[in-house]
Amino acid sequence: MTRSDEPPAVNGKMFDGTVRGGDVLGVFAKYWQPGAVKTRLAASIGDHRAAELYRAFLTTTLVRLSPLGERRTLVFTPEQRCDDFAALASVVAGRWQLRAQTGGDLGQRMSRFFADEFSGAAARVVLLGSDSPTLPLTHVQQAFERLEQHDVVLGPSDDGGYYLVGMRSYLPAIFSDIDWSSPRVWQQTLERGQALGVTLAQLPAWYDIDTLDELRRFAHESARAASGDVIEQCAELARLRALARVACGGAAACDAMPQ
């Protein structure tokens, strides 16, 4: 695993041959501290189980996205947990570099990531969270493709935010005046793009797993997934499915208890 001050690891494996050199893929993540991650989900399944699921979300995301981009960066917080993130990412050793998040709110931290990448040799930069571990790889592929003709690309999530943002040049103002962690993020970002006069492409919608209903949706869809689906080939995703079934079963047992 490389660190941010070392040359990034480059893997020659490409997804469908369409992601070109100079493309950067980033994943934002925070440490899986019980009580500090997936708090809405934790209200239904408990702090420790929610933290275990979040860690599985992140590992699954890194494994599934490893074929994409020429450079891949796991952008984490807090900085003092670097060794923990390096250990987690060891399942994809050599494919992801590590970098600590810097800045204030979420918008400032994302802006700093894009600034750092475009100050180097990046051609197109795409950034995702770690709350959508089953996101189709074709959505990420489309993000890079859309940046050939558009300044910004966004992937809307069902909760009013977005699961992906990408740029072909540094546009820090796209992150200004946004009510982060609110259901207005998507609409405000669209309006911000219009005010800036940038061309903006929209990807198909997807969902984050932040609540018990969304976890149950994931478990239900996983049970119906065809065996030939590409995501079926991911061992980490299979482990995540097992964790989700246990969590949903535990929540169902709690729901059935007399009040």
Protein backbone atom coordinates (compact mmCIF):
# COMPACT_ATOMS: atom_id res chain seq x y z
CA MET A 1 0.00 0.00 0.00
CA THR A 2 1.47 3.35 -0.96
CA ARG A 3 1.20 6.56 1.01
CA SER A 4 0.31 9.96 -0.42
CA ASP A 5 3.95 11.07 -0.59
CA GLU A 6 4.97 8.03 -2.67
CA PRO A 7 4.35 7.37 -6.37
CA PRO A 8 0.80 6.03 -6.76
CA ALA A 9 0.31 2.36 -7.50
CA VAL A 10 -0.78 1.78 -11.09
CA ASN A 11 -2.54 -1.38 -12.15
CA GLY A 12 -2.88 -2.21 -15.83
CA LYS A 13 -6.26 -3.90 -15.51
CA MET A 14 -8.97 -1.69 -17.04
CA PHE A 15 -12.75 -1.95 -17.01
CA ASP A 16 -14.00 -2.62 -20.52
CA GLY A 17 -11.00 -0.78 -21.97
CA THR A 18 -12.60 2.66 -21.72
CA VAL A 19 -10.91 4.30 -18.72
CA ARG A 20 -7.85 6.11 -20.01
CA GLY A 21 -4.54 7.05 -18.44
CA GLY A 22 -4.57 10.10 -16.21
CA ASP A 23 -8.00 9.28 -14.79
CA VAL A 24 -8.20 9.35 -11.00
CA LEU A 25 -10.75 7.56 -8.84
CA GLY A 26 -11.15 8.54 -5.19
CA VAL A 27 -13.17 7.07 -2.33
CA PHE A 28 -13.97 9.11 0.78
CA ALA A 29 -14.13 7.17 4.05
CA LYS A 30 -14.02 7.64 7.79
CA TYR A 31 -12.89 5.29 10.52
CA TRP A 32 -15.46 2.68 11.54
CA GLN A 33 -15.72 3.76 15.20
CA PRO A 34 -18.87 2.33 16.85
CA GLY A 35 -21.26 5.16 17.61
CA ALA A 36 -19.63 7.50 15.07
CA VAL A 37 -20.63 5.87 11.77
CA LYS A 38 -24.00 4.82 10.35
CA THR A 39 -25.83 6.35 13.30
CA ARG A 40 -29.29 6.06 11.71
CA LEU A 41 -28.68 2.41 10.94
CA ALA A 42 -27.20 1.91 14.41
CA ALA A 43 -30.47 3.06 15.96
CA SER A 44 -31.99 -0.17 14.59
CA ILE A 45 -29.14 -2.69 14.73
CA GLY A 46 -26.74 -1.31 17.36
CA ASP A 47 -23.51 0.68 17.20
CA HIS A 48 -21.08 -2.22 16.89
CA ARG A 49 -23.02 -4.07 14.20
CA ALA A 50 -23.45 -0.83 12.22
CA ALA A 51 -19.70 -0.16 12.46
CA GLU A 52 -18.94 -3.71 11.30
CA LEU A 53 -21.25 -3.24 8.32
CA TYR A 54 -19.66 0.10 7.42
CA ARG A 55 -16.22 -1.50 7.44
CA ALA A 56 -17.58 -4.19 5.12
CA PHE A 57 -19.11 -1.48 2.87
CA LEU A 58 -15.70 0.13 2.53
CA THR A 59 -13.78 -3.08 1.87
CA THR A 60 -16.33 -4.18 -0.72
CA THR A 61 -16.13 -0.77 -2.41
CA LEU A 62 -12.34 -0.90 -2.68
CA VAL A 63 -12.33 -4.44 -4.08
CA ARG A 64 -15.04 -3.77 -6.66
CA LEU A 65 -13.56 -0.45 -7.85
CA SER A 66 -9.97 -1.69 -8.10
CA PRO A 67 -10.11 -2.32 -11.89
CA LEU A 68 -11.08 1.31 -12.58
CA GLY A 69 -8.90 4.35 -13.18
CA GLU A 70 -5.17 4.66 -13.60
CA ARG A 71 -4.76 6.00 -10.08
CA ARG A 72 -6.96 5.19 -7.11
CA THR A 73 -6.90 6.98 -3.76
CA LEU A 74 -8.58 6.12 -0.47
CA VAL A 75 -9.13 9.50 1.19
CA PHE A 76 -9.67 8.86 4.88
CA THR A 77 -10.28 10.51 8.23
CA PRO A 78 -8.99 10.83 10.90
CA GLU A 79 -5.33 11.00 9.93
CA GLN A 80 -4.13 9.09 12.99
CA ARG A 81 -6.00 5.99 11.76
CA CYS A 82 -3.77 5.62 8.70
CA ASP A 83 -2.46 2.22 9.82
CA ASP A 84 -6.00 0.90 10.26
CA PHE A 85 -6.95 1.97 6.75
CA ALA A 86 -3.75 0.48 5.33
CA ALA A 87 -4.59 -2.83 6.99
CA LEU A 88 -8.14 -2.75 5.64
CA ALA A 89 -6.93 -1.96 2.12
CA SER A 90 -4.38 -4.78 2.20
CA VAL A 91 -6.94 -6.95 0.36
CA VAL A 92 -6.19 -4.79 -2.69
CA ALA A 93 -2.50 -4.21 -1.95
CA GLY A 94 -0.76 -2.06 -4.52
CA ARG A 95 -3.96 -0.76 -6.13
CA TRP A 96 -4.86 2.11 -3.79
CA GLN A 97 -2.82 4.90 -2.31
CA LEU A 98 -3.76 6.47 1.03
CA ARG A 99 -4.33 10.15 1.72
CA ALA A 100 -5.77 11.83 4.79
CA GLN A 101 -8.69 14.21 4.31
CA THR A 102 -7.88 17.85 5.00
CA GLY A 103 -10.10 20.90 5.37
CA GLY A 104 -13.24 21.78 7.28
CA ASP A 105 -16.70 20.64 6.22
CA LEU A 106 -17.40 17.96 3.63
CA GLY A 107 -17.41 20.43 0.74
CA GLN A 108 -14.03 21.85 1.73
CA ARG A 109 -12.53 18.39 2.09
CA MET A 110 -13.81 17.28 -1.31
CA SER A 111 -12.58 20.52 -2.86
CA ARG A 112 -9.11 19.93 -1.44
CA PHE A 113 -9.03 16.41 -2.89
CA PHE A 114 -9.86 17.70 -6.39
CA ALA A 115 -7.33 20.53 -6.03
CA ASP A 116 -4.57 18.09 -5.12
CA GLU A 117 -5.37 15.78 -8.04
CA PHE A 118 -5.63 18.50 -10.68
CA SER A 119 -2.38 20.07 -9.47
CA GLY A 120 -0.77 16.88 -10.75
CA ALA A 121 -1.39 15.13 -14.04
CA ALA A 122 -5.04 14.18 -13.60
CA ALA A 123 -7.20 14.36 -16.72
CA ARG A 124 -10.54 13.43 -15.17
CA VAL A 125 -11.26 12.93 -11.48
CA VAL A 126 -14.20 11.01 -10.01
CA LEU A 127 -14.95 10.81 -6.28
CA LEU A 128 -17.35 8.46 -4.50
CA GLY A 129 -18.41 7.76 -0.95
CA SER A 130 -18.42 4.34 0.67
CA ASP A 131 -22.16 4.08 1.37
CA SER A 132 -23.12 2.43 -1.94
CA PRO A 133 -21.14 -0.85 -2.04
CA THR A 134 -23.32 -2.37 -4.78
CA LEU A 135 -23.13 0.59 -7.16
CA PRO A 136 -22.94 -0.82 -10.71
CA LEU A 137 -19.46 -0.40 -12.17
CA THR A 138 -21.08 0.85 -15.37
CA HIS A 139 -22.21 3.97 -13.48
CA VAL A 140 -18.58 4.79 -12.66
CA GLN A 141 -17.52 4.00 -16.21
CA GLN A 142 -20.22 6.37 -17.49
CA ALA A 143 -18.94 9.09 -15.16
CA PHE A 144 -15.54 9.11 -16.85
CA GLU A 145 -17.17 8.98 -20.29
CA ARG A 146 -19.50 11.91 -19.55
CA LEU A 147 -16.53 14.04 -18.56
CA GLU A 148 -15.38 13.96 -22.17
CA GLN A 149 -18.20 16.38 -23.00
CA HIS A 150 -19.21 17.86 -19.63
CA ASP A 151 -17.46 19.89 -16.93
CA VAL A 152 -19.10 18.08 -14.01
CA VAL A 153 -20.86 14.74 -13.54
CA LEU A 154 -23.11 13.85 -10.60
CA GLY A 155 -24.76 10.61 -9.51
CA PRO A 156 -27.93 11.33 -7.50
CA SER A 157 -28.80 9.21 -4.48
CA ASP A 158 -32.32 8.48 -3.34
CA ASP A 159 -31.92 10.53 -0.15
CA GLY A 160 -31.45 13.84 -1.97
CA GLY A 161 -27.66 13.82 -1.99
CA TYR A 162 -25.24 12.32 -4.49
CA TYR A 163 -23.11 9.19 -4.45
CA LEU A 164 -20.57 10.45 -7.02
CA VAL A 165 -19.09 13.71 -8.24
CA GLY A 166 -16.57 14.09 -11.05
CA MET A 167 -14.79 16.94 -12.85
CA ARG A 168 -12.48 17.46 -15.80
CA SER A 169 -10.97 20.63 -14.30
CA TYR A 170 -10.88 22.15 -10.83
CA LEU A 171 -14.17 23.92 -10.00
CA PRO A 172 -14.14 24.62 -6.24
CA ALA A 173 -17.23 26.82 -6.36
CA ILE A 174 -19.42 23.78 -7.07
CA PHE A 175 -19.03 22.90 -3.37
CA SER A 176 -19.94 26.36 -2.03
CA ASP A 177 -23.19 27.25 -0.24
CA ILE A 178 -24.40 23.65 0.08
CA ASP A 179 -26.31 22.36 3.12
CA TRP A 180 -24.31 19.17 3.58
CA SER A 181 -26.04 16.12 5.09
CA SER A 182 -29.43 17.48 4.11
CA PRO A 183 -31.93 16.27 1.46
CA ARG A 184 -31.24 19.50 -0.45
CA VAL A 185 -27.66 18.67 -1.48
CA TRP A 186 -28.51 17.37 -4.95
CA GLN A 187 -30.84 20.23 -5.89
CA GLN A 188 -28.54 22.89 -4.47
CA THR A 189 -25.59 21.47 -6.40
CA LEU A 190 -27.59 21.50 -9.64
CA GLU A 191 -28.54 25.12 -9.01
CA ARG A 192 -24.93 25.94 -8.17
CA GLY A 193 -23.77 24.44 -11.45
CA GLN A 194 -26.36 26.43 -13.40
CA ALA A 195 -25.27 29.65 -11.69
CA LEU A 196 -21.64 28.92 -12.58
CA GLY A 197 -22.53 28.19 -16.20
CA VAL A 198 -20.89 24.76 -16.22
CA THR A 199 -22.08 21.79 -18.24
CA LEU A 200 -23.35 19.09 -15.90
CA ALA A 201 -24.18 15.46 -16.68
CA GLN A 202 -26.42 13.26 -14.55
CA LEU A 203 -25.91 9.54 -13.95
CA PRO A 204 -28.62 7.01 -13.09
CA ALA A 205 -29.82 7.26 -9.50
CA TRP A 206 -28.65 4.79 -6.85
CA TYR A 207 -29.08 4.39 -3.11
CA ASP A 208 -26.92 4.70 -0.02
CA ILE A 209 -27.34 2.22 2.82
CA ASP A 210 -28.02 4.52 5.75
CA THR A 211 -31.20 3.08 7.27
CA LEU A 212 -32.67 -0.29 8.14
CA ASP A 213 -35.09 -0.09 5.22
CA GLU A 214 -32.16 0.48 2.84
CA LEU A 215 -30.25 -2.41 4.40
CA ARG A 216 -33.30 -4.62 3.92
CA ARG A 217 -33.52 -3.47 0.31
CA PHE A 218 -29.91 -4.51 -0.20
CA ALA A 219 -30.52 -7.89 1.45
CA HIS A 220 -33.64 -8.48 -0.66
CA GLU A 221 -31.95 -7.52 -3.93
CA SER A 222 -28.92 -9.63 -3.05
CA ALA A 223 -31.11 -12.67 -2.54
CA ARG A 224 -32.61 -12.20 -6.01
CA ALA A 225 -29.33 -11.41 -7.79
CA ALA A 226 -28.51 -13.67 -10.72
CA SER A 227 -25.50 -15.91 -10.26
CA GLY A 228 -23.94 -14.49 -13.43
CA ASP A 229 -23.98 -10.91 -12.13
CA VAL A 230 -20.47 -9.44 -11.99
CA ILE A 231 -20.92 -8.43 -8.35
CA GLU A 232 -21.57 -12.07 -7.47
CA GLN A 233 -17.88 -12.71 -8.12
CA CYS A 234 -16.76 -10.43 -5.27
CA ALA A 235 -15.98 -12.41 -2.10
CA GLU A 236 -16.19 -9.25 0.02
CA LEU A 237 -19.69 -8.59 -1.27
CA ALA A 238 -20.71 -12.12 -0.33
CA ARG A 239 -19.44 -11.43 3.19
CA LEU A 240 -21.36 -8.16 3.26
CA ARG A 241 -24.53 -9.97 2.24
CA ALA A 242 -24.08 -12.41 5.11
CA LEU A 243 -23.57 -9.55 7.58
CA ALA A 244 -26.65 -7.78 6.24
CA ARG A 245 -28.80 -10.87 6.66
CA VAL A 246 -27.65 -11.23 10.26
CA ALA A 247 -28.24 -7.54 10.96
CA CYS A 248 -31.70 -7.55 9.41
CA GLY A 249 -32.59 -10.71 11.31
CA GLY A 250 -31.48 -9.15 14.56
CA ALA A 251 -33.47 -6.02 13.86
CA ALA A 252 -36.54 -8.09 13.04
CA ALA A 253 -36.21 -9.86 16.36
CA CYS A 254 -36.00 -6.51 18.14
CA ASP A 255 -39.03 -5.20 16.23
CA ALA A 256 -41.02 -8.22 17.40
CA MET A 257 -40.30 -7.63 21.08
CA PRO A 258 -43.20 -6.25 23.17
CA GLN A 259 -42.86 -2.58 24.03
